[in-house]
């Protein structure tokens, strides 16, 4: 199983509409990726590691798939549509990481 993490770095100039991301964007992604998508989770940053510190990421979306191949199969045909919707909820260029889930 793999996890695709889409991480939106926090900064003083970032804009991020959490409601749009959680309701509209994720609904679209879920529909487009179909049964290949095994799970999804959204985290919204509330604090950093020390008192008073801001979170490193304003939001992180996690998406699980059976394999990298299954992710590529379902994501590739819809990548342009998914990425073009980003301008509706943020001005942040996200960091994307694909990880193997071990535990």
C-alpha atoms as a PDB file:
ATOM      1  CA  UNK A   1       0.000   0.000   0.000  1.00  0.00           C
ATOM      2  CA  UNK A   2       1.223   3.507  -0.763  1.00  0.00           C
ATOM      3  CA  UNK A   3       0.296   6.962   0.452  1.00  0.00           C
ATOM      4  CA  UNK A   4       0.382  10.090  -1.664  1.00  0.00           C
ATOM      5  CA  UNK A   5       0.789  13.131   0.574  1.00  0.00           C
ATOM      6  CA  UNK A   6       0.013  16.588  -0.812  1.00  0.00           C
ATOM      7  CA  UNK A   7       1.493  19.121   1.610  1.00  0.00           C
ATOM      8  CA  UNK A   8       0.673  22.836   1.476  1.00  0.00           C
ATOM      9  CA  UNK A   9       3.447  24.857   3.200  1.00  0.00           C
ATOM     10  CA  UNK A  10       2.357  27.622   5.535  1.00  0.00           C
ATOM     11  CA  UNK A  11       3.547  31.212   5.068  1.00  0.00           C
ATOM     12  CA  UNK A  12       2.359  34.722   5.807  1.00  0.00           C
ATOM     13  CA  UNK A  13       1.247  35.122   2.167  1.00  0.00           C
ATOM     14  CA  UNK A  14      -0.575  31.826   1.727  1.00  0.00           C
ATOM     15  CA  UNK A  15      -4.272  31.573   1.106  1.00  0.00           C
ATOM     16  CA  UNK A  16      -6.105  28.296   1.612  1.00  0.00           C
ATOM     17  CA  UNK A  17      -9.860  27.706   1.622  1.00  0.00           C
ATOM     18  CA  UNK A  18     -10.190  24.620   3.818  1.00  0.00           C
ATOM     19  CA  UNK A  19     -13.951  24.346   3.295  1.00  0.00           C
ATOM     20  CA  UNK A  20     -13.603  24.291  -0.507  1.00  0.00           C
ATOM     21  CA  UNK A  21     -10.722  21.799  -0.313  1.00  0.00           C
ATOM     22  CA  UNK A  22     -12.571  19.415   1.999  1.00  0.00           C
ATOM     23  CA  UNK A  23     -15.956  19.560   0.330  1.00  0.00           C
ATOM     24  CA  UNK A  24     -15.623  20.367  -3.374  1.00  0.00           C
ATOM     25  CA  UNK A  25     -12.036  19.515  -4.336  1.00  0.00           C
ATOM     26  CA  UNK A  26     -11.930  16.190  -2.496  1.00  0.00           C
ATOM     27  CA  UNK A  27     -15.353  15.221  -3.854  1.00  0.00           C
ATOM     28  CA  UNK A  28     -14.058  15.790  -7.384  1.00  0.00           C
ATOM     29  CA  UNK A  29     -10.825  13.865  -6.722  1.00  0.00           C
ATOM     30  CA  UNK A  30     -12.742  10.987  -5.151  1.00  0.00           C
ATOM     31  CA  UNK A  31     -15.068  10.729  -8.123  1.00  0.00           C
ATOM     32  CA  UNK A  32     -12.268  10.927 -10.702  1.00  0.00           C
ATOM     33  CA  UNK A  33     -10.009   8.367  -9.023  1.00  0.00           C
ATOM     34  CA  UNK A  34     -12.828   5.899  -8.405  1.00  0.00           C
ATOM     35  CA  UNK A  35     -12.162   2.525  -6.813  1.00  0.00           C
ATOM     36  CA  UNK A  36      -8.398   2.946  -7.129  1.00  0.00           C
ATOM     37  CA  UNK A  37      -8.536   5.385  -4.208  1.00  0.00           C
ATOM     38  CA  UNK A  38      -8.578   3.292  -1.026  1.00  0.00           C
ATOM     39  CA  UNK A  39      -8.688   6.075   1.539  1.00  0.00           C
ATOM     40  CA  UNK A  40      -8.253   9.792   2.119  1.00  0.00           C
ATOM     41  CA  UNK A  41      -7.526  12.040   5.048  1.00  0.00           C
ATOM     42  CA  UNK A  42      -7.073  15.778   5.492  1.00  0.00           C
ATOM     43  CA  UNK A  43      -5.037  17.405   8.236  1.00  0.00           C
ATOM     44  CA  UNK A  44      -5.246  21.132   8.951  1.00  0.00           C
ATOM     45  CA  UNK A  45      -2.237  22.611  10.752  1.00  0.00           C
ATOM     46  CA  UNK A  46      -2.990  24.250  14.081  1.00  0.00           C
ATOM     47  CA  UNK A  47       0.455  24.673  15.693  1.00  0.00           C
ATOM     48  CA  UNK A  48       4.147  23.945  15.334  1.00  0.00           C
ATOM     49  CA  UNK A  49       6.313  21.807  17.590  1.00  0.00           C
ATOM     50  CA  UNK A  50       6.970  24.466  20.202  1.00  0.00           C
ATOM     51  CA  UNK A  51       4.532  26.794  21.999  1.00  0.00           C
ATOM     52  CA  UNK A  52       3.592  29.765  19.824  1.00  0.00           C
ATOM     53  CA  UNK A  53       5.124  28.314  16.676  1.00  0.00           C
ATOM     54  CA  UNK A  54       2.992  28.274  13.528  1.00  0.00           C
ATOM     55  CA  UNK A  55       2.472  24.961  11.728  1.00  0.00           C
ATOM     56  CA  UNK A  56       4.854  24.110   8.879  1.00  0.00           C
ATOM     57  CA  UNK A  57       1.921  23.127   6.693  1.00  0.00           C
ATOM     58  CA  UNK A  58      -1.460  24.823   6.501  1.00  0.00           C
ATOM     59  CA  UNK A  59      -2.973  21.567   5.262  1.00  0.00           C
ATOM     60  CA  UNK A  60      -1.958  18.077   4.172  1.00  0.00           C
ATOM     61  CA  UNK A  61      -4.034  15.685   2.105  1.00  0.00           C
ATOM     62  CA  UNK A  62      -3.229  11.965   2.281  1.00  0.00           C
ATOM     63  CA  UNK A  63      -4.489   9.493  -0.308  1.00  0.00           C
ATOM     64  CA  UNK A  64      -3.922   5.730  -0.176  1.00  0.00           C
ATOM     65  CA  UNK A  65      -3.662   3.315  -3.094  1.00  0.00           C
ATOM     66  CA  UNK A  66      -2.758  -0.350  -3.520  1.00  0.00           C
ATOM     67  CA  UNK A  67       0.412   0.486  -5.482  1.00  0.00           C
ATOM     68  CA  UNK A  68       2.252   3.197  -7.385  1.00  0.00           C
ATOM     69  CA  UNK A  69       1.001   1.613 -10.607  1.00  0.00           C
ATOM     70  CA  UNK A  70      -2.640   1.852  -9.525  1.00  0.00           C
ATOM     71  CA  UNK A  71      -2.096   5.495  -8.525  1.00  0.00           C
ATOM     72  CA  UNK A  72      -0.518   6.337 -11.883  1.00  0.00           C
ATOM     73  CA  UNK A  73      -3.254   4.499 -13.776  1.00  0.00           C
ATOM     74  CA  UNK A  74      -6.074   6.499 -12.198  1.00  0.00           C
ATOM     75  CA  UNK A  75      -4.340   9.841 -11.655  1.00  0.00           C
ATOM     76  CA  UNK A  76      -2.614  10.370 -14.994  1.00  0.00           C
ATOM     77  CA  UNK A  77      -5.732  10.832 -17.128  1.00  0.00           C
ATOM     78  CA  UNK A  78      -7.165  13.354 -14.630  1.00  0.00           C
ATOM     79  CA  UNK A  79      -4.024  15.203 -13.488  1.00  0.00           C
ATOM     80  CA  UNK A  80      -4.710  18.345 -15.519  1.00  0.00           C
ATOM     81  CA  UNK A  81      -8.276  18.661 -14.206  1.00  0.00           C
ATOM     82  CA  UNK A  82      -7.237  18.036 -10.603  1.00  0.00           C
ATOM     83  CA  UNK A  83      -4.324  20.486 -10.709  1.00  0.00           C
ATOM     84  CA  UNK A  84      -6.362  23.170 -12.483  1.00  0.00           C
ATOM     85  CA  UNK A  85      -8.889  23.165  -9.620  1.00  0.00           C
ATOM     86  CA  UNK A  86      -6.110  24.151  -7.194  1.00  0.00           C
ATOM     87  CA  UNK A  87      -6.513  27.835  -8.057  1.00  0.00           C
ATOM     88  CA  UNK A  88     -10.034  27.671  -6.587  1.00  0.00           C
ATOM     89  CA  UNK A  89      -8.758  27.073  -3.056  1.00  0.00           C
ATOM     90  CA  UNK A  90      -5.112  28.132  -2.734  1.00  0.00           C
ATOM     91  CA  UNK A  91      -2.166  30.134  -4.036  1.00  0.00           C
ATOM     92  CA  UNK A  92       0.308  27.566  -2.660  1.00  0.00           C
ATOM     93  CA  UNK A  93       2.416  25.195  -4.750  1.00  0.00           C
ATOM     94  CA  UNK A  94       2.203  21.937  -2.786  1.00  0.00           C
ATOM     95  CA  UNK A  95       4.946  19.442  -2.042  1.00  0.00           C
ATOM     96  CA  UNK A  96       4.006  15.911  -3.092  1.00  0.00           C
ATOM     97  CA  UNK A  97       5.506  12.752  -1.634  1.00  0.00           C
ATOM     98  CA  UNK A  98       4.726   9.123  -2.382  1.00  0.00           C
ATOM     99  CA  UNK A  99       5.503   6.787   0.494  1.00  0.00           C
ATOM    100  CA  UNK A 100       5.298   3.088   1.119  1.00  0.00           C
ATOM    101  CA  UNK A 101       3.146   2.323   4.167  1.00  0.00           C
ATOM    102  CA  UNK A 102       5.046  -0.100   6.396  1.00  0.00           C
ATOM    103  CA  UNK A 103       3.072  -0.073   9.655  1.00  0.00           C
END
